[in-house]
Amino acid sequence: MAKEDIKILLVDDEKQFVDTLAERLEMRGFTARVAYDGPQALEMVKMPTDVIVLDLRMPGMDGFEVLKAVKKSNPDVQVIILTGHGGDAEEKTAYRMGAYSFLRKPMDIDELLASIRMAYRDKVENTMVAVAMAEAGDFDSAKDVLREQKILEKRQ
């Protein structure tokens, strides 16, 4: 199976779950790095990362804190929340904070893969459109494209 060129970071304090998920992604042609807590995730996201799959409940630094820090330091990284905890209120909060999607455990691996691919595609497409506009000298429109993406992320 051909490798997919999407840089994924899996963040979950349930070691067996996240290690198994990484193996399943590898079997599907992905490469994923793993972090077992928030501080480790923030160190690892300094390396090129396209999509983070993030749990909400972790000791020390929860997923919301990680999401906030990632969006502040690296807003183009797409974040998919994957959690066994949380309801509608947590989902709304995650979207307001810039999460791309919100999935609940146990999840279907194909649903997660589709969400990862869509998040990556949207990131690349928006970046390409903004770059093309900037190269054409239309900096205001380029900013608008990127700003609109942020607005859409918050509305989801």
C-alpha atoms as a PDB file:
ATOM      1  CA  MET A   1       0.000   0.000   0.000  1.00  0.00           C
ATOM      2  CA  ALA A   2       1.350   3.438  -0.934  1.00  0.00           C
ATOM      3  CA  LYS A   3       2.199   5.802   1.896  1.00  0.00           C
ATOM      4  CA  GLU A   4      -0.060   8.809   2.380  1.00  0.00           C
ATOM      5  CA  ASP A   5       1.898  12.038   2.778  1.00  0.00           C
ATOM      6  CA  ILE A   6      -0.078  13.326   5.741  1.00  0.00           C
ATOM      7  CA  LYS A   7       1.880  14.040   8.918  1.00  0.00           C
ATOM      8  CA  ILE A   8      -0.312  12.813  11.788  1.00  0.00           C
ATOM      9  CA  LEU A   9       0.218  13.232  15.520  1.00  0.00           C
ATOM     10  CA  LEU A  10      -1.901  11.012  17.792  1.00  0.00           C
ATOM     11  CA  VAL A  11      -2.313  12.323  21.351  1.00  0.00           C
ATOM     12  CA  ASP A  12      -3.908  10.155  24.041  1.00  0.00           C
ATOM     13  CA  ASP A  13      -2.852   9.062  27.520  1.00  0.00           C
ATOM     14  CA  GLU A  14      -4.274   5.564  26.941  1.00  0.00           C
ATOM     15  CA  LYS A  15      -1.025   4.013  25.726  1.00  0.00           C
ATOM     16  CA  GLN A  16      -2.480   0.740  24.447  1.00  0.00           C
ATOM     17  CA  PHE A  17      -5.269   2.533  22.547  1.00  0.00           C
ATOM     18  CA  VAL A  18      -3.026   5.105  20.863  1.00  0.00           C
ATOM     19  CA  ASP A  19      -0.313   2.551  20.019  1.00  0.00           C
ATOM     20  CA  THR A  20      -2.933   0.255  18.471  1.00  0.00           C
ATOM     21  CA  LEU A  21      -4.422   3.174  16.540  1.00  0.00           C
ATOM     22  CA  ALA A  22      -0.975   4.087  15.210  1.00  0.00           C
ATOM     23  CA  GLU A  23      -0.485   0.474  14.062  1.00  0.00           C
ATOM     24  CA  ARG A  24      -3.880   0.479  12.315  1.00  0.00           C
ATOM     25  CA  LEU A  25      -3.019   3.724  10.533  1.00  0.00           C
ATOM     26  CA  GLU A  26       0.336   2.234   9.474  1.00  0.00           C
ATOM     27  CA  MET A  27      -1.501  -0.779   8.007  1.00  0.00           C
ATOM     28  CA  ARG A  28      -3.592   1.694   5.958  1.00  0.00           C
ATOM     29  CA  GLY A  29      -0.523   3.476   4.564  1.00  0.00           C
ATOM     30  CA  PHE A  30      -0.229   6.367   7.021  1.00  0.00           C
ATOM     31  CA  THR A  31       2.666   7.379   9.214  1.00  0.00           C
ATOM     32  CA  ALA A  32       1.742   8.606  12.663  1.00  0.00           C
ATOM     33  CA  ARG A  33       3.740   9.876  15.604  1.00  0.00           C
ATOM     34  CA  VAL A  34       2.416   9.340  19.124  1.00  0.00           C
ATOM     35  CA  ALA A  35       2.351  11.549  22.220  1.00  0.00           C
ATOM     36  CA  TYR A  36       1.007  10.312  25.533  1.00  0.00           C
ATOM     37  CA  ASP A  37       0.297  13.691  27.164  1.00  0.00           C
ATOM     38  CA  GLY A  38      -0.211  17.371  26.407  1.00  0.00           C
ATOM     39  CA  PRO A  39       3.317  18.659  27.034  1.00  0.00           C
ATOM     40  CA  GLN A  40       4.806  15.916  24.863  1.00  0.00           C
ATOM     41  CA  ALA A  41       2.291  16.788  22.117  1.00  0.00           C
ATOM     42  CA  LEU A  42       3.295  20.462  22.208  1.00  0.00           C
ATOM     43  CA  GLU A  43       6.940  19.484  21.785  1.00  0.00           C
ATOM     44  CA  MET A  44       6.164  17.102  18.924  1.00  0.00           C
ATOM     45  CA  VAL A  45       3.952  19.581  17.043  1.00  0.00           C
ATOM     46  CA  LYS A  46       7.056  21.714  16.548  1.00  0.00           C
ATOM     47  CA  MET A  47       7.974  19.157  13.890  1.00  0.00           C
ATOM     48  CA  PRO A  48       5.971  19.330  10.646  1.00  0.00           C
ATOM     49  CA  THR A  49       2.425  18.220  11.469  1.00  0.00           C
ATOM     50  CA  ASP A  50      -0.683  18.361   9.290  1.00  0.00           C
ATOM     51  CA  VAL A  51      -3.325  16.735  11.485  1.00  0.00           C
ATOM     52  CA  ILE A  52      -3.520  16.065  15.216  1.00  0.00           C
ATOM     53  CA  VAL A  53      -5.924  13.444  16.561  1.00  0.00           C
ATOM     54  CA  LEU A  54      -6.420  14.583  20.151  1.00  0.00           C
ATOM     55  CA  ASP A  55      -8.116  13.145  23.226  1.00  0.00           C
ATOM     56  CA  LEU A  56      -9.820  15.596  25.592  1.00  0.00           C
ATOM     57  CA  ARG A  57      -9.239  13.963  28.957  1.00  0.00           C
ATOM     58  CA  MET A  58      -5.614  13.581  29.897  1.00  0.00           C
ATOM     59  CA  PRO A  59      -3.896  14.141  33.237  1.00  0.00           C
ATOM     60  CA  GLY A  60      -1.994  17.366  33.776  1.00  0.00           C
ATOM     61  CA  MET A  61      -2.886  19.159  30.552  1.00  0.00           C
ATOM     62  CA  ASP A  62      -6.242  18.353  28.973  1.00  0.00           C
ATOM     63  CA  GLY A  63      -7.093  18.351  25.276  1.00  0.00           C
ATOM     64  CA  PHE A  64      -8.681  21.802  25.361  1.00  0.00           C
ATOM     65  CA  GLU A  65      -5.436  23.285  26.690  1.00  0.00           C
ATOM     66  CA  VAL A  66      -3.473  21.497  23.966  1.00  0.00           C
ATOM     67  CA  LEU A  67      -5.945  22.631  21.290  1.00  0.00           C
ATOM     68  CA  LYS A  68      -5.682  26.255  22.443  1.00  0.00           C
ATOM     69  CA  ALA A  69      -1.866  26.171  22.491  1.00  0.00           C
ATOM     70  CA  VAL A  70      -1.647  24.487  19.061  1.00  0.00           C
ATOM     71  CA  LYS A  71      -4.059  26.926  17.419  1.00  0.00           C
ATOM     72  CA  LYS A  72      -2.169  29.862  18.916  1.00  0.00           C
ATOM     73  CA  SER A  73       1.297  28.687  17.841  1.00  0.00           C
ATOM     74  CA  ASN A  74       0.452  26.766  14.661  1.00  0.00           C
ATOM     75  CA  PRO A  75      -3.062  27.688  13.438  1.00  0.00           C
ATOM     76  CA  ASP A  76      -2.788  25.805  10.139  1.00  0.00           C
ATOM     77  CA  VAL A  77      -2.569  22.423  11.897  1.00  0.00           C
ATOM     78  CA  GLN A  78      -5.929  20.682  11.723  1.00  0.00           C
ATOM     79  CA  VAL A  79      -7.119  19.147  15.008  1.00  0.00           C
ATOM     80  CA  ILE A  80      -9.548  16.251  15.198  1.00  0.00           C
ATOM     81  CA  ILE A  81     -10.920  15.572  18.663  1.00  0.00           C
ATOM     82  CA  LEU A  82     -11.280  11.845  19.358  1.00  0.00           C
ATOM     83  CA  THR A  83     -12.626  11.236  22.832  1.00  0.00           C
ATOM     84  CA  GLY A  84     -14.590   8.783  24.898  1.00  0.00           C
ATOM     85  CA  HIS A  85     -15.757  11.621  27.120  1.00  0.00           C
ATOM     86  CA  GLY A  86     -17.794  14.684  26.492  1.00  0.00           C
ATOM     87  CA  GLY A  87     -21.115  15.574  25.079  1.00  0.00           C
ATOM     88  CA  ASP A  88     -22.625  18.388  23.077  1.00  0.00           C
ATOM     89  CA  ALA A  89     -21.148  21.132  25.267  1.00  0.00           C
ATOM     90  CA  GLU A  90     -17.609  19.814  24.825  1.00  0.00           C
ATOM     91  CA  GLU A  91     -18.188  19.397  21.101  1.00  0.00           C
ATOM     92  CA  LYS A  92     -19.364  23.009  20.735  1.00  0.00           C
ATOM     93  CA  THR A  93     -16.410  24.244  22.782  1.00  0.00           C
ATOM     94  CA  ALA A  94     -13.967  22.263  20.639  1.00  0.00           C
ATOM     95  CA  TYR A  95     -15.372  23.746  17.424  1.00  0.00           C
ATOM     96  CA  ARG A  96     -15.285  27.263  18.878  1.00  0.00           C
ATOM     97  CA  MET A  97     -11.637  26.713  19.747  1.00  0.00           C
ATOM     98  CA  GLY A  98     -10.808  25.689  16.172  1.00  0.00           C
ATOM     99  CA  ALA A  99     -11.154  21.901  16.092  1.00  0.00           C
ATOM    100  CA  TYR A 100     -11.761  20.541  12.605  1.00  0.00           C
ATOM    101  CA  SER A 101     -14.004  17.682  13.710  1.00  0.00           C
ATOM    102  CA  PHE A 102     -15.216  15.897  16.830  1.00  0.00           C
ATOM    103  CA  LEU A 103     -15.390  12.106  16.939  1.00  0.00           C
ATOM    104  CA  ARG A 104     -16.359   9.831  19.809  1.00  0.00           C
ATOM    105  CA  LYS A 105     -14.757   6.564  20.883  1.00  0.00           C
ATOM    106  CA  PRO A 106     -15.255   3.868  19.935  1.00  0.00           C
ATOM    107  CA  MET A 107     -14.983   5.100  16.375  1.00  0.00           C
ATOM    108  CA  ASP A 108     -14.994   3.412  13.035  1.00  0.00           C
ATOM    109  CA  ILE A 109     -11.458   3.507  11.586  1.00  0.00           C
ATOM    110  CA  ASP A 110     -12.836   4.436   8.151  1.00  0.00           C
ATOM    111  CA  GLU A 111     -14.656   7.426   9.667  1.00  0.00           C
ATOM    112  CA  LEU A 112     -11.419   8.576  11.295  1.00  0.00           C
ATOM    113  CA  LEU A 113      -9.465   8.104   8.052  1.00  0.00           C
ATOM    114  CA  ALA A 114     -12.066  10.091   6.110  1.00  0.00           C
ATOM    115  CA  SER A 115     -11.897  12.894   8.673  1.00  0.00           C
ATOM    116  CA  ILE A 116      -8.065  12.943   8.517  1.00  0.00           C
ATOM    117  CA  ARG A 117      -8.098  13.078   4.714  1.00  0.00           C
ATOM    118  CA  MET A 118     -10.736  15.850   4.624  1.00  0.00           C
ATOM    119  CA  ALA A 119      -8.876  17.909   7.216  1.00  0.00           C
ATOM    120  CA  TYR A 120      -5.658  17.592   5.233  1.00  0.00           C
ATOM    121  CA  ARG A 121      -7.382  18.357   1.921  1.00  0.00           C
ATOM    122  CA  ASP A 122      -9.027  21.493   3.324  1.00  0.00           C
ATOM    123  CA  LYS A 123      -5.725  22.659   4.799  1.00  0.00           C
ATOM    124  CA  VAL A 124      -3.891  22.197   1.486  1.00  0.00           C
ATOM    125  CA  GLU A 125      -6.647  23.690  -0.686  1.00  0.00           C
ATOM    126  CA  ASN A 126      -7.011  26.827   1.431  1.00  0.00           C
ATOM    127  CA  THR A 127      -3.267  27.322   1.541  1.00  0.00           C
ATOM    128  CA  MET A 128      -2.950  26.892  -2.231  1.00  0.00           C
ATOM    129  CA  VAL A 129      -5.746  29.391  -2.924  1.00  0.00           C
ATOM    130  CA  ALA A 130      -4.253  31.945  -0.538  1.00  0.00           C
ATOM    131  CA  VAL A 131      -0.753  31.517  -2.039  1.00  0.00           C
ATOM    132  CA  ALA A 132      -2.081  31.923  -5.586  1.00  0.00           C
ATOM    133  CA  MET A 133      -3.879  35.118  -4.621  1.00  0.00           C
ATOM    134  CA  ALA A 134      -0.816  36.482  -2.830  1.00  0.00           C
ATOM    135  CA  GLU A 135       1.418  35.646  -5.803  1.00  0.00           C
ATOM    136  CA  ALA A 136      -1.012  37.565  -8.023  1.00  0.00           C
ATOM    137  CA  GLY A 137      -0.606  40.542  -5.709  1.00  0.00           C
ATOM    138  CA  ASP A 138      -4.075  40.268  -4.167  1.00  0.00           C
ATOM    139  CA  PHE A 139      -2.971  40.171  -0.543  1.00  0.00           C
ATOM    140  CA  ASP A 140      -6.316  41.334   0.817  1.00  0.00           C
ATOM    141  CA  SER A 141      -8.160  38.431  -0.851  1.00  0.00           C
ATOM    142  CA  ALA A 142      -5.487  35.986   0.347  1.00  0.00           C
ATOM    143  CA  LYS A 143      -6.033  37.199   3.910  1.00  0.00           C
ATOM    144  CA  ASP A 144      -9.808  36.923   3.406  1.00  0.00           C
ATOM    145  CA  VAL A 145      -9.493  33.270   2.301  1.00  0.00           C
ATOM    146  CA  LEU A 146      -7.472  32.415   5.372  1.00  0.00           C
ATOM    147  CA  ARG A 147      -9.746  34.460   7.640  1.00  0.00           C
ATOM    148  CA  GLU A 148     -12.859  32.796   6.142  1.00  0.00           C
ATOM    149  CA  GLN A 149     -11.361  29.386   6.877  1.00  0.00           C
ATOM    150  CA  LYS A 150     -10.932  30.376  10.525  1.00  0.00           C
ATOM    151  CA  ILE A 151     -14.549  31.600  10.660  1.00  0.00           C
ATOM    152  CA  LEU A 152     -15.821  28.341   9.149  1.00  0.00           C
ATOM    153  CA  GLU A 153     -13.772  26.309  11.616  1.00  0.00           C
ATOM    154  CA  LYS A 154     -15.390  28.207  14.497  1.00  0.00           C
ATOM    155  CA  ARG A 155     -18.922  27.683  13.134  1.00  0.00           C
ATOM    156  CA  GLN A 156     -18.650  23.896  12.738  1.00  0.00           C
END
